[in-house]
Amino acid sequence: MELKFSHVDVLVKNLEEACAYYAQILQARISKTLVWERGGLHVRYAIALIGAERFMLVQPLAGNLKALLDCAGEGMIYRHCYSTPDIEKAYDELIAAGVQPEDENGKPLARANLQSPSGTRIIWLPKRFGHFSIEILEDKALEAFIEDAFA
C-alpha cells in the first residue's frame, strides 16, 4: 500500500483558544473553522500549518470523540493520518489482509461509501491499541480540501 504521512489530529476543549495559541507561539497559519457531523459524531476543527507540516485541532461536540475528550483530556494525539493516491486499492489491500475498514464511528465501511462529509474519500483502520486511530485519505482530494480550507 502506498502511503504518505499527512498529519495528526489533536483533541482540544476550545478550538479558538488552541488556534490562537499556535498562531502566536509557532506562527502557524490557521484554516477557517470546519465542521464534521455524521452518525452522531459532531466536531469543529481547524488545520494548523507550519511551513509544509500540519496538524488538525479538533473540538468534539458530540459522539465518540467527545467521550474521549471527557475521559482523556485535551492535547491527546488520537489519530495519525496518511494519504494514498488510490483509496480503493488501499481498501482492497486491507480487505485482502483480513482488515475491515471502518467509518469514523467504528462501523464497518463498504467500498461504495468512502465519501466523507469533508468531500474526501477516507477509510479508518479498526482500533487495535487503545484509542489510537489511523486514517487513510485520498491524496488529491485531501490536498484540494486543505487548499480550500485556507482560501
Protein backbone atom coordinates (compact mmCIF):
# COMPACT_ATOMS: atom_id res chain seq x y z
CA MET A 1 0.00 0.00 0.00
CA GLU A 2 1.42 3.37 -0.99
CA LEU A 3 1.09 5.76 1.97
CA LYS A 4 2.49 9.18 2.83
CA PHE A 5 2.22 10.78 6.27
CA SER A 6 -0.24 13.69 6.25
CA HIS A 7 -0.97 14.95 9.78
CA VAL A 8 -2.07 14.16 13.32
CA ASP A 9 -5.37 15.07 14.97
CA VAL A 10 -5.29 16.62 18.45
CA LEU A 11 -8.25 16.97 20.84
CA VAL A 12 -8.93 20.43 22.30
CA LYS A 13 -11.66 21.83 24.53
CA ASN A 14 -11.70 25.30 22.97
CA LEU A 15 -10.87 25.49 19.27
CA GLU A 16 -10.45 29.26 19.11
CA GLU A 17 -8.11 29.31 22.09
CA ALA A 18 -5.96 26.49 20.68
CA CYS A 19 -5.80 28.11 17.24
CA ALA A 20 -4.79 31.48 18.71
CA TYR A 21 -2.10 29.83 20.82
CA TYR A 22 -0.43 28.00 17.92
CA ALA A 23 -0.76 31.02 15.64
CA GLN A 24 1.03 33.16 18.23
CA ILE A 25 3.62 30.71 19.56
CA LEU A 26 4.51 28.83 16.36
CA GLN A 27 3.35 31.41 13.79
CA ALA A 28 1.08 28.68 12.42
CA ARG A 29 -1.31 29.60 9.66
CA ILE A 30 -4.78 28.57 10.78
CA SER A 31 -7.52 27.49 8.39
CA LYS A 32 -11.13 28.54 8.62
CA THR A 33 -13.18 26.58 11.14
CA LEU A 34 -14.66 23.44 9.64
CA VAL A 35 -17.46 21.15 10.83
CA TRP A 36 -17.84 17.39 10.59
CA GLU A 37 -21.18 15.89 11.50
CA ARG A 38 -22.32 12.38 10.66
CA GLY A 39 -23.64 9.35 12.50
CA GLY A 40 -23.63 11.01 15.92
CA LEU A 41 -20.10 12.39 15.59
CA HIS A 42 -20.02 16.19 15.62
CA VAL A 43 -16.77 18.17 15.76
CA ARG A 44 -15.42 21.61 14.92
CA TYR A 45 -11.85 21.62 13.67
CA ALA A 46 -9.14 23.68 12.02
CA ILE A 47 -5.88 22.94 10.27
CA ALA A 48 -2.66 24.41 11.69
CA LEU A 49 0.01 24.80 9.03
CA ILE A 50 3.66 25.39 9.90
CA GLY A 51 5.61 25.53 6.66
CA ALA A 52 4.67 22.29 4.89
CA GLU A 53 3.83 20.49 8.16
CA ARG A 54 0.30 20.40 9.52
CA PHE A 55 -1.88 19.10 12.29
CA MET A 56 -5.59 19.35 12.98
CA LEU A 57 -7.06 20.79 16.15
CA VAL A 58 -10.35 19.02 16.87
CA GLN A 59 -13.02 20.21 19.31
CA PRO A 60 -15.57 17.42 19.78
CA LEU A 61 -19.16 18.46 20.45
CA ALA A 62 -20.81 15.00 20.41
CA GLY A 63 -20.03 11.36 19.76
CA ASN A 64 -17.09 9.10 20.47
CA LEU A 65 -14.52 11.91 20.35
CA LYS A 66 -16.47 13.94 22.92
CA ALA A 67 -16.43 10.90 25.20
CA LEU A 68 -12.67 10.52 24.59
CA LEU A 69 -12.03 14.21 25.37
CA ASP A 70 -14.07 13.94 28.57
CA CYS A 71 -12.13 10.82 29.60
CA ALA A 72 -8.56 11.53 28.41
CA GLY A 73 -8.49 15.32 28.41
CA GLU A 74 -7.27 17.73 25.79
CA GLY A 75 -3.96 17.61 23.99
CA MET A 76 -4.31 13.94 23.16
CA ILE A 77 -2.99 12.95 19.74
CA TYR A 78 -5.54 10.29 18.96
CA ARG A 79 -5.06 9.82 15.22
CA HIS A 80 -2.28 9.60 12.64
CA CYS A 81 -3.44 10.37 9.11
CA TYR A 82 -1.88 9.17 5.88
CA SER A 83 -2.71 9.82 2.25
CA THR A 84 -2.68 7.46 -0.70
CA PRO A 85 -3.03 8.03 -4.43
CA ASP A 86 -5.58 5.20 -4.74
CA ILE A 87 -8.04 4.86 -1.86
CA GLU A 88 -9.91 1.97 -3.48
CA LYS A 89 -6.68 -0.01 -3.89
CA ALA A 90 -5.85 0.69 -0.23
CA TYR A 91 -9.34 -0.51 0.75
CA ASP A 92 -8.93 -3.69 -1.31
CA GLU A 93 -5.48 -4.38 0.17
CA LEU A 94 -6.84 -4.03 3.70
CA ILE A 95 -9.69 -6.43 2.93
CA ALA A 96 -7.20 -8.90 1.39
CA ALA A 97 -5.13 -8.66 4.59
CA GLY A 98 -8.20 -9.54 6.66
CA VAL A 99 -8.84 -6.00 7.94
CA GLN A 100 -12.34 -4.50 7.59
CA PRO A 101 -12.03 -0.71 7.10
CA GLU A 102 -14.34 1.35 9.30
CA ASP A 103 -16.07 4.73 9.28
CA GLU A 104 -15.40 7.49 11.82
CA ASN A 105 -17.78 5.84 14.28
CA GLY A 106 -16.12 2.42 14.21
CA LYS A 107 -18.75 0.81 11.97
CA PRO A 108 -17.78 -1.41 9.01
CA LEU A 109 -17.29 0.72 5.90
CA ALA A 110 -18.41 -0.52 2.49
CA ARG A 111 -16.19 0.23 -0.51
CA ALA A 112 -19.10 2.15 -2.09
CA ASN A 113 -19.31 4.50 0.95
CA LEU A 114 -15.83 6.01 1.11
CA GLN A 115 -17.10 9.59 0.63
CA SER A 116 -16.95 11.68 3.81
CA PRO A 117 -18.68 14.88 4.95
CA SER A 118 -15.47 16.78 4.12
CA GLY A 119 -15.70 15.72 0.48
CA THR A 120 -12.63 13.48 0.61
CA ARG A 121 -12.74 9.71 0.45
CA ILE A 122 -11.50 8.24 3.73
CA ILE A 123 -11.07 4.90 5.47
CA TRP A 124 -10.14 4.13 9.07
CA LEU A 125 -8.39 1.08 10.40
CA PRO A 126 -10.05 -0.65 13.34
CA LYS A 127 -8.56 0.49 16.64
CA ARG A 128 -6.19 -2.19 17.91
CA PHE A 129 -4.30 -0.32 20.59
CA GLY A 130 -6.46 1.73 22.93
CA HIS A 131 -7.80 4.95 21.46
CA PHE A 132 -5.14 5.24 18.74
CA SER A 133 -6.63 5.54 15.27
CA ILE A 134 -5.19 5.51 11.76
CA GLU A 135 -6.98 7.28 8.94
CA ILE A 136 -6.19 6.94 5.23
CA LEU A 137 -7.32 9.70 2.88
CA GLU A 138 -7.27 10.06 -0.87
CA ASP A 139 -4.28 12.23 -1.90
CA LYS A 140 -5.69 14.65 -4.47
CA ALA A 141 -8.98 15.25 -2.66
CA LEU A 142 -7.15 15.86 0.64
CA GLU A 143 -4.85 18.46 -0.89
CA ALA A 144 -7.79 20.20 -2.57
CA PHE A 145 -9.69 20.16 0.74
CA ILE A 146 -6.74 21.72 2.60
CA GLU A 147 -6.24 24.36 -0.09
CA ASP A 148 -9.94 25.27 0.15
CA ALA A 149 -9.74 25.44 3.97
CA PHE A 150 -7.15 28.23 3.65
CA ALA A 151 -8.91 30.09 0.81
